[in-house]
Amino acid sequence: MIFAAGVGSRLRPLTNDRPKALVKVAGKTLLERVVGRMKEVGVERLVVNVYHFGEQVLEFLAGHDNFGMDIVVSDERGGLLDTGGGVLKARELFHPGAAVLAHNVDILTDLDLRVLREWHERQGAYATLVVKRVMADRVLKFDADGCLKGWENKRTGERKIVDDGFYAAGEFGYCGIQVLSADFLRNMVLRGAFSIIDEHLSQAETHPIRAFEHTGFFMDAGTPGAVKDAEKAWKAGRWRDPCDI
C-alpha cells in the first residue's frame, strides 16, 4: 500500500494545485518513485489511497497504464482517514492472507525493500516498523529485543506506554515504511480516522511489534525545503531508485 491521501499542507505552495503524491523530486513524481520500488520488489497488488486532488492521481495512474501493475485505489475523498483508518478501509482490497508492505508516498530512501521483506518473513514477524536512530521530539521506544514499548513527545511530555519496558527502551524515529501481517490486519481494534502508530501501540500490548533499523539514506520529502535537499542529494549520487536506472 502507498499512503498517498495526505493533504500535503507542509508542502505548500507545491500542493496548491496538485496532491503531494504528484510533486516531483529530481524529475519524477513521488508516487512514481514509490510505485517503482514496489514493482522492483515484486508486489503482486498495490493499493493507493487518495483524497486531496484525488482525481489527478487516478488520471496519472491511468495515463501510465498503472505502470504495468495490478493497482487498485482506495478512495477517501468522502473523508480523510489518516494512515490507520486508511489501512482499515483498504483491508478488503489486499490479497487475503498476505502480508502488506506499506510505504508513505513522501519517503525517499536507499532501503532495500527485498531485505526488509525477507527479514520480516524470516522472523515470522507480526508487524515490522522501519526505524532510524534519531535525536527528535517525537520518538518510538523499542526494548533490547526490538519490541515496541511506547511513544513519546519530549517537547510536550506526552507519553503512550505499552508496559514497563518503556522506561529502559531505546529511542528511534519511524521511517514511514512497515510490513503488516495478515493477523495484524485482522486484529485491528481502532476505528474511524486514526494513526497506524496508535494501532501498533494498541496491539503491542498483546503482540510483538518489531523494529527493523535502517542505517542508510532516509529523507521525508514533506516540505519544499526537504524537496530541494532531496534533489541535491540525488545530484550528489547519495540516493537512487528504480526510476533513475
C-alpha atoms as a PDB file:
ATOM      1  CA  MET A   1       0.000   0.000   0.000  1.00  0.00           C
ATOM      2  CA  ILE A   2       1.111   3.542  -0.741  1.00  0.00           C
ATOM      3  CA  PHE A   3      -0.216   6.231   1.593  1.00  0.00           C
ATOM      4  CA  ALA A   4      -0.952   8.993  -0.925  1.00  0.00           C
ATOM      5  CA  ALA A   5      -4.075  10.595   0.554  1.00  0.00           C
ATOM      6  CA  GLY A   6      -2.456  13.324   2.641  1.00  0.00           C
ATOM      7  CA  VAL A   7      -3.383  16.970   2.114  1.00  0.00           C
ATOM      8  CA  GLY A   8       0.274  17.964   1.903  1.00  0.00           C
ATOM      9  CA  SER A   9      -0.162  21.105   3.994  1.00  0.00           C
ATOM     10  CA  ARG A  10       3.549  21.169   4.881  1.00  0.00           C
ATOM     11  CA  LEU A  11       4.401  21.098   1.157  1.00  0.00           C
ATOM     12  CA  ARG A  12       2.504  24.248   0.235  1.00  0.00           C
ATOM     13  CA  PRO A  13       2.719  26.059  -2.147  1.00  0.00           C
ATOM     14  CA  LEU A  14       3.783  22.954  -4.123  1.00  0.00           C
ATOM     15  CA  THR A  15       0.463  21.274  -3.263  1.00  0.00           C
ATOM     16  CA  ASN A  16      -1.789  24.244  -4.010  1.00  0.00           C
ATOM     17  CA  ASP A  17      -2.762  22.710  -7.360  1.00  0.00           C
ATOM     18  CA  ARG A  18      -1.798  19.051  -7.019  1.00  0.00           C
ATOM     19  CA  PRO A  19      -1.663  16.211  -4.484  1.00  0.00           C
ATOM     20  CA  LYS A  20       1.529  15.552  -2.558  1.00  0.00           C
ATOM     21  CA  ALA A  21       1.923  12.312  -4.496  1.00  0.00           C
ATOM     22  CA  LEU A  22       2.408  14.221  -7.758  1.00  0.00           C
ATOM     23  CA  VAL A  23       5.059  16.630  -6.501  1.00  0.00           C
ATOM     24  CA  LYS A  24       8.253  15.951  -8.431  1.00  0.00           C
ATOM     25  CA  VAL A  25      11.697  15.245  -6.992  1.00  0.00           C
ATOM     26  CA  ALA A  26      14.571  15.096  -9.484  1.00  0.00           C
ATOM     27  CA  GLY A  27      12.169  14.902 -12.423  1.00  0.00           C
ATOM     28  CA  LYS A  28       9.920  12.106 -11.124  1.00  0.00           C
ATOM     29  CA  THR A  29       6.766  12.307  -9.026  1.00  0.00           C
ATOM     30  CA  LEU A  30       6.917  10.943  -5.509  1.00  0.00           C
ATOM     31  CA  LEU A  31       4.190   8.468  -6.449  1.00  0.00           C
ATOM     32  CA  GLU A  32       6.081   7.122  -9.456  1.00  0.00           C
ATOM     33  CA  ARG A  33       9.190   6.661  -7.354  1.00  0.00           C
ATOM     34  CA  VAL A  34       7.413   4.556  -4.728  1.00  0.00           C
ATOM     35  CA  VAL A  35       5.458   2.600  -7.364  1.00  0.00           C
ATOM     36  CA  GLY A  36       8.794   1.764  -8.995  1.00  0.00           C
ATOM     37  CA  ARG A  37      10.181   0.493  -5.705  1.00  0.00           C
ATOM     38  CA  MET A  38       7.084  -1.642  -5.122  1.00  0.00           C
ATOM     39  CA  LYS A  39       7.328  -3.066  -8.621  1.00  0.00           C
ATOM     40  CA  GLU A  40      11.010  -3.876  -8.168  1.00  0.00           C
ATOM     41  CA  VAL A  41      10.331  -5.894  -5.017  1.00  0.00           C
ATOM     42  CA  GLY A  42       7.631  -7.973  -6.732  1.00  0.00           C
ATOM     43  CA  VAL A  43       4.473  -6.622  -5.097  1.00  0.00           C
ATOM     44  CA  GLU A  44       1.523  -8.529  -6.565  1.00  0.00           C
ATOM     45  CA  ARG A  45      -1.219  -5.997  -5.832  1.00  0.00           C
ATOM     46  CA  LEU A  46      -0.720  -2.336  -4.992  1.00  0.00           C
ATOM     47  CA  VAL A  47      -3.347  -0.277  -3.155  1.00  0.00           C
ATOM     48  CA  VAL A  48      -3.063   3.514  -3.387  1.00  0.00           C
ATOM     49  CA  ASN A  49      -5.326   5.691  -1.251  1.00  0.00           C
ATOM     50  CA  VAL A  50      -6.430   9.125  -2.497  1.00  0.00           C
ATOM     51  CA  TYR A  51      -8.046  12.257  -1.051  1.00  0.00           C
ATOM     52  CA  HIS A  52      -6.535  15.685  -1.867  1.00  0.00           C
ATOM     53  CA  PHE A  53      -6.867  16.244  -5.658  1.00  0.00           C
ATOM     54  CA  GLY A  54      -7.624  12.533  -5.832  1.00  0.00           C
ATOM     55  CA  GLU A  55      -8.826  12.711  -9.433  1.00  0.00           C
ATOM     56  CA  GLN A  56      -5.340  13.781 -10.501  1.00  0.00           C
ATOM     57  CA  VAL A  57      -3.864  10.606  -9.001  1.00  0.00           C
ATOM     58  CA  LEU A  58      -6.463   8.492 -10.814  1.00  0.00           C
ATOM     59  CA  GLU A  59      -5.667  10.229 -14.120  1.00  0.00           C
ATOM     60  CA  PHE A  60      -1.927   9.876 -13.551  1.00  0.00           C
ATOM     61  CA  LEU A  61      -2.165   6.142 -12.921  1.00  0.00           C
ATOM     62  CA  ALA A  62      -4.495   5.617 -15.888  1.00  0.00           C
ATOM     63  CA  GLY A  63      -2.213   7.677 -18.101  1.00  0.00           C
ATOM     64  CA  HIS A  64       0.671   5.357 -17.260  1.00  0.00           C
ATOM     65  CA  ASP A  65      -1.377   2.140 -17.601  1.00  0.00           C
ATOM     66  CA  ASN A  66      -0.891   1.542 -13.871  1.00  0.00           C
ATOM     67  CA  PHE A  67       2.815   1.072 -14.606  1.00  0.00           C
ATOM     68  CA  GLY A  68       2.032  -2.474 -15.686  1.00  0.00           C
ATOM     69  CA  MET A  69       0.877  -3.434 -12.183  1.00  0.00           C
ATOM     70  CA  ASP A  70      -2.340  -4.547 -10.535  1.00  0.00           C
ATOM     71  CA  ILE A  71      -3.148  -1.210  -8.873  1.00  0.00           C
ATOM     72  CA  VAL A  72      -6.420  -0.554  -7.074  1.00  0.00           C
ATOM     73  CA  VAL A  73      -7.464   2.728  -5.485  1.00  0.00           C
ATOM     74  CA  SER A  74      -8.900   3.197  -2.014  1.00  0.00           C
ATOM     75  CA  ASP A  75     -10.945   6.393  -2.362  1.00  0.00           C
ATOM     76  CA  GLU A  76     -11.033   8.559   0.775  1.00  0.00           C
ATOM     77  CA  ARG A  77     -12.487  11.649  -0.888  1.00  0.00           C
ATOM     78  CA  GLY A  78     -15.548  11.227   1.325  1.00  0.00           C
ATOM     79  CA  GLY A  79     -13.386  11.812   4.408  1.00  0.00           C
ATOM     80  CA  LEU A  80      -9.689  11.604   5.194  1.00  0.00           C
ATOM     81  CA  LEU A  81      -8.932   8.632   7.464  1.00  0.00           C
ATOM     82  CA  ASP A  82      -5.239   9.085   8.397  1.00  0.00           C
ATOM     83  CA  THR A  83      -2.840   6.155   7.982  1.00  0.00           C
ATOM     84  CA  GLY A  84      -4.565   3.697  10.328  1.00  0.00           C
ATOM     85  CA  GLY A  85      -8.055   4.410   9.088  1.00  0.00           C
ATOM     86  CA  GLY A  86      -6.689   4.236   5.556  1.00  0.00           C
ATOM     87  CA  VAL A  87      -5.366   0.709   6.127  1.00  0.00           C
ATOM     88  CA  LEU A  88      -8.643  -0.327   7.744  1.00  0.00           C
ATOM     89  CA  LYS A  89     -10.690   0.964   4.777  1.00  0.00           C
ATOM     90  CA  ALA A  90      -8.353  -0.735   2.293  1.00  0.00           C
ATOM     91  CA  ARG A  91      -8.201  -4.021   4.212  1.00  0.00           C
ATOM     92  CA  GLU A  92     -10.606  -5.871   1.904  1.00  0.00           C
ATOM     93  CA  LEU A  93      -8.600  -4.809  -1.153  1.00  0.00           C
ATOM     94  CA  PHE A  94      -5.455  -6.709  -0.134  1.00  0.00           C
ATOM     95  CA  HIS A  95      -4.846 -10.313  -1.156  1.00  0.00           C
ATOM     96  CA  PRO A  96      -6.401 -12.473   1.607  1.00  0.00           C
ATOM     97  CA  GLY A  97      -3.865 -13.946   3.992  1.00  0.00           C
ATOM     98  CA  ALA A  98      -0.941 -11.967   2.570  1.00  0.00           C
ATOM     99  CA  ALA A  99       1.359  -9.577   4.407  1.00  0.00           C
ATOM    100  CA  VAL A 100       1.182  -5.929   3.350  1.00  0.00           C
ATOM    101  CA  LEU A 101       4.165  -3.686   2.685  1.00  0.00           C
ATOM    102  CA  ALA A 102       3.061  -0.086   3.361  1.00  0.00           C
ATOM    103  CA  HIS A 103       5.087   2.961   2.285  1.00  0.00           C
ATOM    104  CA  ASN A 104       4.411   6.684   2.782  1.00  0.00           C
ATOM    105  CA  VAL A 105       4.499   8.416  -0.595  1.00  0.00           C
ATOM    106  CA  ASP A 106       6.866  11.174   0.562  1.00  0.00           C
ATOM    107  CA  ILE A 107       9.627   8.901   1.879  1.00  0.00           C
ATOM    108  CA  LEU A 108      12.890   8.695  -0.075  1.00  0.00           C
ATOM    109  CA  THR A 109      15.390   6.056   0.998  1.00  0.00           C
ATOM    110  CA  ASP A 110      18.004   3.600  -0.203  1.00  0.00           C
ATOM    111  CA  LEU A 111      16.488   0.850   1.954  1.00  0.00           C
ATOM    112  CA  ASP A 112      16.415  -2.470   0.101  1.00  0.00           C
ATOM    113  CA  LEU A 113      12.768  -3.487   0.367  1.00  0.00           C
ATOM    114  CA  ARG A 114      13.662  -7.071  -0.528  1.00  0.00           C
ATOM    115  CA  VAL A 115      15.875  -7.284   2.553  1.00  0.00           C
ATOM    116  CA  LEU A 116      13.051  -5.839   4.672  1.00  0.00           C
ATOM    117  CA  ARG A 117      10.524  -8.317   3.279  1.00  0.00           C
ATOM    118  CA  GLU A 118      12.852 -11.282   3.732  1.00  0.00           C
ATOM    119  CA  TRP A 119      13.700 -10.236   7.307  1.00  0.00           C
ATOM    120  CA  HIS A 120      10.004  -9.908   8.167  1.00  0.00           C
ATOM    121  CA  GLU A 121       9.289 -13.362   6.711  1.00  0.00           C
ATOM    122  CA  ARG A 122      12.312 -14.981   8.347  1.00  0.00           C
ATOM    123  CA  GLN A 123      11.338 -13.587  11.735  1.00  0.00           C
ATOM    124  CA  GLY A 124       7.720 -14.633  11.263  1.00  0.00           C
ATOM    125  CA  ALA A 125       7.004 -11.105  12.458  1.00  0.00           C
ATOM    126  CA  TYR A 126       3.551  -9.917  13.443  1.00  0.00           C
ATOM    127  CA  ALA A 127       4.350  -6.383  12.289  1.00  0.00           C
ATOM    128  CA  THR A 128       7.601  -4.618  11.408  1.00  0.00           C
ATOM    129  CA  LEU A 129       8.341  -0.881  11.558  1.00  0.00           C
ATOM    130  CA  VAL A 130      11.366   0.570   9.749  1.00  0.00           C
ATOM    131  CA  VAL A 131      13.154   2.957  12.105  1.00  0.00           C
ATOM    132  CA  LYS A 132      16.332   5.015  12.447  1.00  0.00           C
ATOM    133  CA  ARG A 133      18.199   6.216  15.499  1.00  0.00           C
ATOM    134  CA  VAL A 134      17.450   9.936  15.709  1.00  0.00           C
ATOM    135  CA  MET A 135      17.512  12.924  18.013  1.00  0.00           C
ATOM    136  CA  ALA A 136      13.919  14.151  17.774  1.00  0.00           C
ATOM    137  CA  ASP A 137      10.989  15.427  19.814  1.00  0.00           C
ATOM    138  CA  ARG A 138       8.724  12.516  18.885  1.00  0.00           C
ATOM    139  CA  VAL A 139      10.175   9.035  19.179  1.00  0.00           C
ATOM    140  CA  LEU A 140       9.154   5.392  19.299  1.00  0.00           C
ATOM    141  CA  LYS A 141      10.596   3.304  22.128  1.00  0.00           C
ATOM    142  CA  PHE A 142      11.873  -0.240  21.482  1.00  0.00           C
ATOM    143  CA  ASP A 143      13.437  -2.605  24.004  1.00  0.00           C
ATOM    144  CA  ALA A 144      16.669  -4.591  23.565  1.00  0.00           C
ATOM    145  CA  ASP A 145      14.738  -7.327  21.727  1.00  0.00           C
ATOM    146  CA  GLY A 146      13.420  -4.803  19.224  1.00  0.00           C
ATOM    147  CA  CYS A 147       9.834  -4.831  20.522  1.00  0.00           C
ATOM    148  CA  LEU A 148       7.703  -1.683  20.648  1.00  0.00           C
ATOM    149  CA  LYS A 149       7.217  -0.339  24.168  1.00  0.00           C
ATOM    150  CA  GLY A 150       5.775   3.107  23.588  1.00  0.00           C
ATOM    151  CA  TRP A 151       5.803   6.572  22.053  1.00  0.00           C
ATOM    152  CA  GLU A 152       6.938   9.870  23.486  1.00  0.00           C
ATOM    153  CA  ASN A 153       6.732  13.555  22.588  1.00  0.00           C
ATOM    154  CA  LYS A 154       9.617  15.042  24.505  1.00  0.00           C
ATOM    155  CA  ARG A 155       8.569  18.603  23.775  1.00  0.00           C
ATOM    156  CA  THR A 156       5.096  18.249  25.296  1.00  0.00           C
ATOM    157  CA  GLY A 157       5.815  15.416  27.735  1.00  0.00           C
ATOM    158  CA  GLU A 158       3.038  13.260  26.271  1.00  0.00           C
ATOM    159  CA  ARG A 159       3.653   9.519  26.517  1.00  0.00           C
ATOM    160  CA  LYS A 160       1.897   6.395  25.278  1.00  0.00           C
ATOM    161  CA  ILE A 161       3.263   3.461  27.266  1.00  0.00           C
ATOM    162  CA  VAL A 162       2.809  -0.195  26.313  1.00  0.00           C
ATOM    163  CA  ASP A 163       4.341  -1.610  29.517  1.00  0.00           C
ATOM    164  CA  ASP A 164       7.176  -1.003  31.978  1.00  0.00           C
ATOM    165  CA  GLY A 165       9.738  -1.854  29.313  1.00  0.00           C
ATOM    166  CA  PHE A 166       9.156   1.701  28.087  1.00  0.00           C
ATOM    167  CA  TYR A 167      11.477   3.195  30.700  1.00  0.00           C
ATOM    168  CA  ALA A 168      14.643   1.350  29.630  1.00  0.00           C
ATOM    169  CA  ALA A 169      13.831   1.309  25.904  1.00  0.00           C
ATOM    170  CA  GLY A 170      15.909   2.910  23.141  1.00  0.00           C
ATOM    171  CA  GLU A 171      14.626   5.818  21.053  1.00  0.00           C
ATOM    172  CA  PHE A 172      14.010   5.672  17.311  1.00  0.00           C
ATOM    173  CA  GLY A 173      12.302   7.652  14.602  1.00  0.00           C
ATOM    174  CA  TYR A 174       9.727   5.977  12.358  1.00  0.00           C
ATOM    175  CA  CYS A 175      10.727   5.952   8.674  1.00  0.00           C
ATOM    176  CA  GLY A 176       7.246   5.689   7.140  1.00  0.00           C
ATOM    177  CA  ILE A 177       7.674   2.093   5.914  1.00  0.00           C
ATOM    178  CA  GLN A 178       6.184  -1.011   7.535  1.00  0.00           C
ATOM    179  CA  VAL A 179       5.150  -4.608   6.941  1.00  0.00           C
ATOM    180  CA  LEU A 180       1.847  -5.796   8.405  1.00  0.00           C
ATOM    181  CA  SER A 181       0.945  -9.462   8.728  1.00  0.00           C
ATOM    182  CA  ALA A 182      -2.497 -10.767   7.852  1.00  0.00           C
ATOM    183  CA  ASP A 183      -3.057 -11.353  11.582  1.00  0.00           C
ATOM    184  CA  PHE A 184      -2.270  -7.714  12.374  1.00  0.00           C
ATOM    185  CA  LEU A 185      -4.778  -6.577   9.753  1.00  0.00           C
ATOM    186  CA  ARG A 186      -7.422  -8.990  11.031  1.00  0.00           C
ATOM    187  CA  ASN A 187      -6.946  -7.872  14.641  1.00  0.00           C
ATOM    188  CA  MET A 188      -7.138  -4.104  14.139  1.00  0.00           C
ATOM    189  CA  VAL A 189      -9.030  -2.591  17.072  1.00  0.00           C
ATOM    190  CA  LEU A 190      -9.305   1.147  16.338  1.00  0.00           C
ATOM    191  CA  ARG A 191     -11.987   2.660  14.112  1.00  0.00           C
ATOM    192  CA  GLY A 192     -12.602   5.914  12.255  1.00  0.00           C
ATOM    193  CA  ALA A 193      -9.697   8.231  11.411  1.00  0.00           C
ATOM    194  CA  PHE A 194      -6.558   7.302  13.354  1.00  0.00           C
ATOM    195  CA  SER A 195      -2.798   6.926  13.051  1.00  0.00           C
ATOM    196  CA  ILE A 196      -1.412   3.492  12.242  1.00  0.00           C
ATOM    197  CA  ILE A 197       1.135   4.111  15.017  1.00  0.00           C
ATOM    198  CA  ASP A 198      -1.711   4.250  17.546  1.00  0.00           C
ATOM    199  CA  GLU A 199      -2.875   0.872  16.224  1.00  0.00           C
ATOM    200  CA  HIS A 200       0.624  -0.519  16.668  1.00  0.00           C
ATOM    201  CA  LEU A 201       0.729   0.780  20.228  1.00  0.00           C
ATOM    202  CA  SER A 202      -2.653  -0.821  20.962  1.00  0.00           C
ATOM    203  CA  GLN A 203      -1.677  -4.202  19.551  1.00  0.00           C
ATOM    204  CA  ALA A 204       1.797  -4.100  21.142  1.00  0.00           C
ATOM    205  CA  GLU A 205       0.146  -4.908  24.464  1.00  0.00           C
ATOM    206  CA  THR A 206      -0.519  -8.457  23.253  1.00  0.00           C
ATOM    207  CA  HIS A 207       1.660  -8.946  20.155  1.00  0.00           C
ATOM    208  CA  PRO A 208       5.313  -8.091  19.387  1.00  0.00           C
ATOM    209  CA  ILE A 209       5.682  -5.112  17.055  1.00  0.00           C
ATOM    210  CA  ARG A 210       9.260  -5.336  15.777  1.00  0.00           C
ATOM    211  CA  ALA A 211      11.823  -2.715  14.777  1.00  0.00           C
ATOM    212  CA  PHE A 212      13.870  -3.003  11.589  1.00  0.00           C
ATOM    213  CA  GLU A 213      16.702  -0.492  11.939  1.00  0.00           C
ATOM    214  CA  HIS A 214      17.807   1.302   8.757  1.00  0.00           C
ATOM    215  CA  THR A 215      21.238   2.926   8.822  1.00  0.00           C
ATOM    216  CA  GLY A 216      21.372   4.266   5.255  1.00  0.00           C
ATOM    217  CA  PHE A 217      19.853   7.216   3.416  1.00  0.00           C
ATOM    218  CA  PHE A 218      16.431   8.394   4.514  1.00  0.00           C
ATOM    219  CA  MET A 219      14.539  11.590   3.844  1.00  0.00           C
ATOM    220  CA  ASP A 220      10.986  12.750   4.465  1.00  0.00           C
ATOM    221  CA  ALA A 221      10.277  14.961   1.426  1.00  0.00           C
ATOM    222  CA  GLY A 222       7.343  16.584   3.194  1.00  0.00           C
ATOM    223  CA  THR A 223       8.325  20.258   2.872  1.00  0.00           C
ATOM    224  CA  PRO A 224       9.566  22.438  -0.013  1.00  0.00           C
ATOM    225  CA  GLY A 225      12.942  22.672   1.720  1.00  0.00           C
ATOM    226  CA  ALA A 226      13.161  18.899   2.031  1.00  0.00           C
ATOM    227  CA  VAL A 227      12.350  18.512  -1.681  1.00  0.00           C
ATOM    228  CA  LYS A 228      15.263  20.820  -2.524  1.00  0.00           C
ATOM    229  CA  ASP A 229      17.559  18.884  -0.181  1.00  0.00           C
ATOM    230  CA  ALA A 230      16.449  15.606  -1.776  1.00  0.00           C
ATOM    231  CA  GLU A 231      17.248  16.920  -5.235  1.00  0.00           C
ATOM    232  CA  LYS A 232      20.693  17.995  -4.043  1.00  0.00           C
ATOM    233  CA  ALA A 233      21.231  14.508  -2.593  1.00  0.00           C
ATOM    234  CA  TRP A 234      20.130  12.950  -5.889  1.00  0.00           C
ATOM    235  CA  LYS A 235      22.512  15.135  -7.893  1.00  0.00           C
ATOM    236  CA  ALA A 236      25.313  14.201  -5.498  1.00  0.00           C
ATOM    237  CA  GLY A 237      24.551  10.496  -6.017  1.00  0.00           C
ATOM    238  CA  ARG A 238      23.574   9.878  -2.394  1.00  0.00           C
ATOM    239  CA  TRP A 239      20.401   8.003  -3.361  1.00  0.00           C
ATOM    240  CA  ARG A 240      18.822   6.308  -6.375  1.00  0.00           C
ATOM    241  CA  ASP A 241      15.725   4.220  -7.047  1.00  0.00           C
ATOM    242  CA  PRO A 242      14.446   2.119  -9.975  1.00  0.00           C
ATOM    243  CA  CYS A 243      13.110   5.232 -11.741  1.00  0.00           C
ATOM    244  CA  ASP A 244      16.673   6.535 -12.154  1.00  0.00           C
ATOM    245  CA  ILE A 245      18.161   3.352 -13.635  1.00  0.00           C
END
